Amino acid sequence: MALDIKLLDIIACPVCKGKLHYNKAVHELVGRFDKLAYPLEEGIPVLLENRARQLNSDELPS
């Protein structure tokens, strides 16, 4: 199941409240400021800090 891109207009990072970006290659929502990636399960964002993955600088989208 794919992510409905319209969701990106209304959801925010639960940590910093900033904008999230969809990384289609790995099916994650990425918060650039906190460098966190949130997984999608069956097209549904799992916006829990304890489920987020820490990103390194190379993984951040441009």
N, C-alpha and C. Protein backbone atom coordinates (compact mmCIF):
# COMPACT_ATOMS: atom_id res chain seq x y z
N MET A 1 0.85 -1.18 0.00
CA MET A 1 0.00 0.00 0.00
C MET A 1 0.90 1.24 0.00
N ALA A 2 0.60 2.19 -0.83
CA ALA A 2 1.40 3.40 -0.97
C ALA A 2 0.92 4.50 -0.03
N LEU A 3 1.83 5.40 0.26
CA LEU A 3 1.51 6.55 1.11
C LEU A 3 0.73 7.58 0.30
N ASP A 4 -0.32 8.10 0.88
CA ASP A 4 -1.08 9.19 0.26
C ASP A 4 -0.27 10.47 0.47
N ILE A 5 0.28 11.01 -0.59
CA ILE A 5 1.16 12.18 -0.52
C ILE A 5 0.47 13.39 0.11
N LYS A 6 -0.85 13.47 0.02
CA LYS A 6 -1.58 14.59 0.62
C LYS A 6 -1.40 14.63 2.14
N LEU A 7 -1.07 13.49 2.74
CA LEU A 7 -0.83 13.45 4.18
C LEU A 7 0.34 14.35 4.60
N LEU A 8 1.32 14.49 3.71
CA LEU A 8 2.50 15.29 4.04
C LEU A 8 2.17 16.75 4.32
N ASP A 9 1.02 17.22 3.84
CA ASP A 9 0.60 18.59 4.09
C ASP A 9 0.08 18.80 5.50
N ILE A 10 -0.34 17.71 6.16
CA ILE A 10 -0.98 17.88 7.47
C ILE A 10 -0.24 17.22 8.63
N ILE A 11 0.69 16.31 8.34
CA ILE A 11 1.42 15.69 9.45
C ILE A 11 2.76 16.38 9.65
N ALA A 12 3.30 16.22 10.85
CA ALA A 12 4.58 16.85 11.19
C ALA A 12 5.40 15.88 12.03
N CYS A 13 6.67 16.16 12.12
CA CYS A 13 7.57 15.37 12.96
C CYS A 13 7.10 15.47 14.41
N PRO A 14 6.93 14.35 15.09
CA PRO A 14 6.46 14.41 16.47
C PRO A 14 7.50 14.97 17.45
N VAL A 15 8.75 15.03 17.03
CA VAL A 15 9.81 15.53 17.91
C VAL A 15 9.95 17.04 17.78
N CYS A 16 10.19 17.52 16.55
CA CYS A 16 10.46 18.95 16.37
C CYS A 16 9.29 19.73 15.76
N LYS A 17 8.24 19.01 15.34
CA LYS A 17 7.05 19.59 14.70
C LYS A 17 7.34 20.16 13.32
N GLY A 18 8.48 19.78 12.75
CA GLY A 18 8.85 20.24 11.42
C GLY A 18 8.24 19.38 10.32
N LYS A 19 8.45 19.81 9.08
CA LYS A 19 7.91 19.13 7.90
C LYS A 19 8.63 17.79 7.69
N LEU A 20 7.87 16.80 7.27
CA LEU A 20 8.42 15.50 6.94
C LEU A 20 8.45 15.34 5.42
N HIS A 21 9.43 14.62 4.94
CA HIS A 21 9.60 14.37 3.51
C HIS A 21 9.56 12.87 3.27
N TYR A 22 8.93 12.47 2.19
CA TYR A 22 8.79 11.05 1.86
C TYR A 22 9.98 10.56 1.08
N ASN A 23 10.64 9.53 1.58
CA ASN A 23 11.73 8.88 0.87
C ASN A 23 11.15 7.62 0.25
N LYS A 24 10.80 7.72 -1.01
CA LYS A 24 10.11 6.64 -1.71
C LYS A 24 10.99 5.39 -1.85
N ALA A 25 12.30 5.57 -1.95
CA ALA A 25 13.20 4.44 -2.15
C ALA A 25 13.17 3.46 -0.98
N VAL A 26 13.04 3.98 0.23
CA VAL A 26 13.05 3.10 1.42
C VAL A 26 11.74 3.15 2.19
N HIS A 27 10.74 3.84 1.67
CA HIS A 27 9.41 3.93 2.28
C HIS A 27 9.47 4.43 3.72
N GLU A 28 10.06 5.62 3.88
CA GLU A 28 10.17 6.25 5.19
C GLU A 28 9.81 7.73 5.08
N LEU A 29 9.38 8.29 6.18
CA LEU A 29 9.19 9.73 6.28
C LEU A 29 10.39 10.28 7.03
N VAL A 30 11.01 11.29 6.44
CA VAL A 30 12.27 11.81 6.97
C VAL A 30 12.08 13.22 7.49
N GLY A 31 12.57 13.43 8.70
CA GLY A 31 12.65 14.76 9.29
C GLY A 31 14.08 15.24 9.18
N ARG A 32 14.32 16.25 8.38
CA ARG A 32 15.69 16.72 8.13
C ARG A 32 16.34 17.36 9.34
N PHE A 33 15.58 18.11 10.11
CA PHE A 33 16.15 18.84 11.24
C PHE A 33 16.68 17.89 12.32
N ASP A 34 15.87 16.93 12.70
CA ASP A 34 16.27 15.97 13.74
C ASP A 34 17.01 14.76 13.20
N LYS A 35 17.08 14.64 11.88
CA LYS A 35 17.73 13.51 11.21
C LYS A 35 17.13 12.19 11.67
N LEU A 36 15.80 12.12 11.63
CA LEU A 36 15.08 10.91 11.99
C LEU A 36 14.25 10.42 10.81
N ALA A 37 14.15 9.10 10.68
CA ALA A 37 13.34 8.49 9.64
C ALA A 37 12.28 7.62 10.30
N TYR A 38 11.03 7.86 9.95
CA TYR A 38 9.91 7.13 10.51
C TYR A 38 9.42 6.10 9.50
N PRO A 39 9.20 4.87 9.93
CA PRO A 39 8.77 3.82 8.99
C PRO A 39 7.31 3.95 8.59
N LEU A 40 6.99 3.31 7.49
CA LEU A 40 5.60 3.17 7.04
C LEU A 40 5.25 1.69 7.16
N GLU A 41 4.09 1.41 7.72
CA GLU A 41 3.62 0.03 7.80
C GLU A 41 2.28 -0.04 7.07
N GLU A 42 2.29 -0.75 5.96
CA GLU A 42 1.11 -0.86 5.10
C GLU A 42 0.59 0.51 4.67
N GLY A 43 1.52 1.42 4.38
CA GLY A 43 1.16 2.75 3.92
C GLY A 43 0.80 3.73 5.01
N ILE A 44 0.88 3.30 6.27
CA ILE A 44 0.52 4.16 7.41
C ILE A 44 1.78 4.60 8.13
N PRO A 45 1.99 5.91 8.31
CA PRO A 45 3.18 6.39 9.01
C PRO A 45 3.14 5.99 10.49
N VAL A 46 4.26 5.50 10.97
CA VAL A 46 4.42 5.17 12.40
C VAL A 46 5.25 6.30 13.00
N LEU A 47 4.57 7.31 13.53
CA LEU A 47 5.23 8.52 14.01
C LEU A 47 5.50 8.44 15.51
N LEU A 48 6.23 7.42 15.90
CA LEU A 48 6.63 7.24 17.28
C LEU A 48 8.14 7.41 17.38
N GLU A 49 8.58 8.25 18.30
CA GLU A 49 10.01 8.53 18.41
C GLU A 49 10.83 7.27 18.65
N ASN A 50 10.30 6.34 19.43
CA ASN A 50 11.05 5.12 19.72
C ASN A 50 11.11 4.16 18.52
N ARG A 51 10.34 4.39 17.49
CA ARG A 51 10.39 3.58 16.27
C ARG A 51 11.20 4.26 15.16
N ALA A 52 11.61 5.51 15.39
CA ALA A 52 12.37 6.26 14.38
C ALA A 52 13.80 5.74 14.30
N ARG A 53 14.36 5.89 13.14
CA ARG A 53 15.74 5.49 12.88
C ARG A 53 16.58 6.76 12.73
N GLN A 54 17.74 6.80 13.39
CA GLN A 54 18.64 7.93 13.29
C GLN A 54 19.35 7.88 11.94
N LEU A 55 19.37 9.01 11.23
CA LEU A 55 20.02 9.09 9.93
C LEU A 55 21.40 9.73 10.05
N ASN A 56 22.31 9.32 9.17
CA ASN A 56 23.58 10.03 9.08
C ASN A 56 23.47 11.05 7.95
N SER A 57 24.43 11.91 7.82
CA SER A 57 24.38 13.01 6.85
C SER A 57 24.24 12.52 5.40
N ASP A 58 24.81 11.37 5.09
CA ASP A 58 24.74 10.83 3.72
C ASP A 58 23.34 10.40 3.34
N GLU A 59 22.51 10.06 4.30
CA GLU A 59 21.17 9.57 4.02
C GLU A 59 20.12 10.66 3.89
N LEU A 60 20.45 11.88 4.27
CA LEU A 60 19.47 12.97 4.22
C LEU A 60 19.16 13.35 2.77
N PRO A 61 17.88 13.51 2.45
CA PRO A 61 17.54 13.93 1.09
C PRO A 61 17.98 15.37 0.84
N SER A 62 18.27 15.65 -0.39
CA SER A 62 18.73 17.02 -0.73
C SER A 62 17.58 17.98 -0.92
